[in-house]
Amino acid sequence: MKTRTGKIARLPQSIRDQLNQKLETNVPGNELLPWLHSLPEVQKILAEHFGGRPITKSNLSDWRHGGFIDWNYHRQGRQQWWELVESARELTEKRTGEKGVDASSYLGTFLLVEVGQALDRLHTVKDLDQRWKLMRLISGTLSRLRNDDTREKLLRLRQIKQLARGRESQAVVPSRA
């Protein structure tokens, strides 16, 4: 994604977010421009960087077809990410039977689903070089997942052993009279 340098792109993030929300609800440009120009922060940016020239309909149109689309894309991406994490959490809890498992387990489950989808795609790839690249990627990912799973199991075993040792040392030994 390219760095934007226009009038609207130079505005503070909070104002751009408000503008994007207004664009999302289809507030017309003839309402947006007076609102923008009424904000002191906007006037300051326009004076400092653009010789005080106002934001025009053309600037707003450019933003609507660029910056706003980027903002909306990233917002949708974040929403999809949270939905995927929630789905992974549910799958992890079903798989392990544990509630409140740490986020890395969720992500591992999510990655496992992605690997499954990649395996499905592998059957449709006809180009041998691309098929080999995808196979290596899947293989490396599976290897890392298995290593992570093994490390997690070892960590759990160590924790169980430490708890057992702690209980043994707290046990009261009867004294001989």
Protein backbone atom coordinates (compact mmCIF):
# COMPACT_ATOMS: atom_id res chain seq x y z
CA MET A 1 0.00 0.00 0.00
CA LYS A 2 1.38 3.37 -0.99
CA THR A 3 1.78 6.23 1.46
CA ARG A 4 -0.80 8.89 0.84
CA THR A 5 0.27 12.55 0.95
CA GLY A 6 -2.85 14.47 -0.10
CA LYS A 7 -4.88 16.92 1.93
CA ILE A 8 -7.10 14.32 3.56
CA ALA A 9 -4.25 11.85 4.09
CA ARG A 10 -2.39 14.47 6.12
CA LEU A 11 -5.28 14.95 8.53
CA PRO A 12 -5.07 13.37 12.00
CA GLN A 13 -6.12 9.72 12.16
CA SER A 14 -9.14 10.52 14.34
CA ILE A 15 -10.53 12.94 11.74
CA ARG A 16 -9.86 10.51 8.89
CA ASP A 17 -11.68 7.80 10.86
CA GLN A 18 -14.67 10.10 11.39
CA LEU A 19 -14.66 11.02 7.71
CA ASN A 20 -14.46 7.36 6.68
CA GLN A 21 -17.37 6.50 8.96
CA LYS A 22 -19.39 9.30 7.37
CA LEU A 23 -18.45 8.08 3.90
CA GLU A 24 -19.50 4.58 4.90
CA THR A 25 -22.97 5.86 5.82
CA ASN A 26 -23.18 7.75 2.50
CA VAL A 27 -23.09 11.28 3.92
CA PRO A 28 -22.96 13.47 0.80
CA GLY A 29 -19.89 15.49 -0.09
CA ASN A 30 -21.76 18.80 0.18
CA GLU A 31 -22.17 18.03 3.92
CA LEU A 32 -18.68 16.61 4.43
CA LEU A 33 -16.71 19.55 3.06
CA PRO A 34 -18.27 22.20 5.37
CA TRP A 35 -17.83 19.84 8.32
CA LEU A 36 -14.16 19.26 7.51
CA HIS A 37 -13.47 22.98 7.00
CA SER A 38 -15.09 23.79 10.35
CA LEU A 39 -12.45 21.77 12.23
CA PRO A 40 -9.47 23.77 13.55
CA GLU A 41 -7.08 20.82 13.04
CA VAL A 42 -8.04 20.71 9.36
CA GLN A 43 -7.47 24.45 8.94
CA LYS A 44 -4.07 24.12 10.58
CA ILE A 45 -2.96 21.27 8.25
CA LEU A 46 -4.24 23.12 5.18
CA ALA A 47 -2.36 26.27 6.22
CA GLU A 48 0.90 24.44 7.02
CA HIS A 49 1.07 22.13 4.01
CA PHE A 50 -1.22 23.44 1.30
CA GLY A 51 -1.05 27.24 1.51
CA GLY A 52 -4.51 27.37 3.08
CA ARG A 53 -6.18 25.94 -0.04
CA PRO A 54 -9.41 24.16 0.96
CA ILE A 55 -10.26 20.51 0.50
CA THR A 56 -12.19 20.21 -2.76
CA LYS A 57 -14.78 17.82 -4.14
CA SER A 58 -11.98 16.33 -6.21
CA ASN A 59 -9.86 15.74 -3.08
CA LEU A 60 -12.84 14.06 -1.44
CA SER A 61 -13.49 11.93 -4.52
CA ASP A 62 -9.82 10.88 -4.65
CA TRP A 63 -10.00 9.91 -0.97
CA ARG A 64 -13.25 8.00 -1.50
CA HIS A 65 -11.55 5.94 -4.25
CA GLY A 66 -8.27 5.45 -2.38
CA GLY A 67 -7.87 6.10 1.32
CA PHE A 68 -11.44 5.18 2.19
CA ILE A 69 -11.19 1.89 0.30
CA ASP A 70 -7.93 1.09 2.13
CA TRP A 71 -9.53 1.95 5.49
CA ASN A 72 -12.56 -0.21 4.76
CA TYR A 73 -10.39 -3.09 3.57
CA HIS A 74 -8.29 -3.03 6.75
CA ARG A 75 -11.36 -2.72 8.95
CA GLN A 76 -12.96 -5.72 7.26
CA GLY A 77 -9.66 -7.59 7.58
CA ARG A 78 -9.56 -6.92 11.32
CA GLN A 79 -13.15 -8.12 11.66
CA GLN A 80 -12.36 -11.30 9.74
CA TRP A 81 -9.27 -11.81 11.91
CA TRP A 82 -11.33 -11.62 15.11
CA GLU A 83 -13.92 -14.00 13.67
CA LEU A 84 -11.15 -16.45 12.75
CA VAL A 85 -9.62 -16.19 16.24
CA GLU A 86 -13.02 -16.83 17.81
CA SER A 87 -13.60 -19.83 15.54
CA ALA A 88 -10.13 -21.13 16.35
CA ARG A 89 -10.82 -20.68 20.08
CA GLU A 90 -13.99 -22.75 19.78
CA LEU A 91 -12.23 -25.45 17.74
CA THR A 92 -9.32 -25.55 20.20
CA GLU A 93 -11.66 -25.90 23.17
CA LYS A 94 -13.50 -28.75 21.42
CA ARG A 95 -10.23 -30.42 20.44
CA THR A 96 -8.52 -30.11 23.83
CA GLY A 97 -11.55 -29.99 26.12
CA GLU A 98 -9.92 -27.05 27.90
CA LYS A 99 -11.39 -23.61 28.34
CA GLY A 100 -9.26 -20.48 28.40
CA VAL A 101 -6.42 -21.95 26.35
CA ASP A 102 -3.78 -19.33 25.43
CA ALA A 103 -3.92 -17.48 22.12
CA SER A 104 -1.05 -19.45 20.58
CA SER A 105 -3.21 -22.58 20.72
CA TYR A 106 -5.99 -20.73 18.91
CA LEU A 107 -3.57 -19.60 16.26
CA GLY A 108 -2.18 -23.11 15.93
CA THR A 109 -5.69 -24.41 15.30
CA PHE A 110 -6.30 -21.62 12.81
CA LEU A 111 -3.05 -22.48 11.05
CA LEU A 112 -4.03 -26.14 10.96
CA VAL A 113 -7.29 -25.22 9.20
CA GLU A 114 -5.30 -23.11 6.72
CA VAL A 115 -2.99 -26.06 6.05
CA GLY A 116 -6.05 -28.22 5.36
CA GLN A 117 -7.30 -25.67 2.86
CA ALA A 118 -3.85 -25.52 1.23
CA LEU A 119 -3.89 -29.31 0.89
CA ASP A 120 -7.24 -29.05 -0.87
CA ARG A 121 -5.77 -26.46 -3.25
CA LEU A 122 -2.77 -28.71 -3.88
CA HIS A 123 -4.99 -31.13 -5.82
CA THR A 124 -5.98 -28.39 -8.27
CA VAL A 125 -2.45 -27.13 -9.02
CA LYS A 126 -1.27 -28.53 -12.34
CA ASP A 127 2.07 -26.70 -12.67
CA LEU A 128 4.68 -29.00 -11.10
CA ASP A 129 6.93 -26.18 -9.89
CA GLN A 130 4.06 -24.39 -8.16
CA ARG A 131 2.81 -27.69 -6.75
CA TRP A 132 6.27 -28.42 -5.31
CA LYS A 133 6.50 -24.93 -3.77
CA LEU A 134 3.08 -25.34 -2.15
CA MET A 135 4.01 -28.81 -0.90
CA ARG A 136 7.23 -27.49 0.69
CA LEU A 137 5.28 -24.67 2.35
CA ILE A 138 2.69 -27.10 3.73
CA SER A 139 5.40 -29.49 4.91
CA GLY A 140 7.34 -26.73 6.70
CA THR A 141 4.21 -25.42 8.36
CA LEU A 142 3.18 -28.89 9.54
CA SER A 143 6.67 -29.47 10.91
CA ARG A 144 6.56 -26.21 12.89
CA LEU A 145 3.09 -27.06 14.19
CA ARG A 146 4.27 -30.46 15.37
CA ASN A 147 7.34 -28.95 17.04
CA ASP A 148 5.20 -26.34 18.77
CA ASP A 149 2.79 -29.02 19.94
CA THR A 150 5.65 -31.13 21.30
CA ARG A 151 7.12 -28.13 23.15
CA GLU A 152 3.72 -27.34 24.65
CA LYS A 153 3.31 -30.94 25.87
CA LEU A 154 6.80 -30.91 27.41
CA LEU A 155 6.03 -27.63 29.14
CA ARG A 156 2.81 -29.05 30.56
CA LEU A 157 4.67 -32.15 31.81
CA ARG A 158 7.26 -29.95 33.55
CA GLN A 159 4.50 -27.92 35.17
CA ILE A 160 2.77 -31.09 36.41
CA LYS A 161 6.06 -32.42 37.82
CA GLN A 162 6.74 -29.10 39.58
CA LEU A 163 3.28 -29.15 41.12
CA ALA A 164 3.79 -32.75 42.28
CA ARG A 165 7.16 -31.87 43.85
CA GLY A 166 5.59 -28.89 45.57
CA ARG A 167 2.87 -31.09 47.08
CA GLU A 168 5.41 -33.65 48.25
CA SER A 169 7.51 -31.02 50.01
CA GLN A 170 4.42 -29.63 51.74
CA ALA A 171 3.32 -33.03 53.01
CA VAL A 172 3.68 -33.34 56.76
CA VAL A 173 6.09 -36.05 57.81
CA PRO A 174 5.02 -37.62 61.14
CA SER A 175 7.64 -37.19 63.83
CA ARG A 176 8.88 -40.04 66.01
CA ALA A 177 8.30 -39.64 69.67
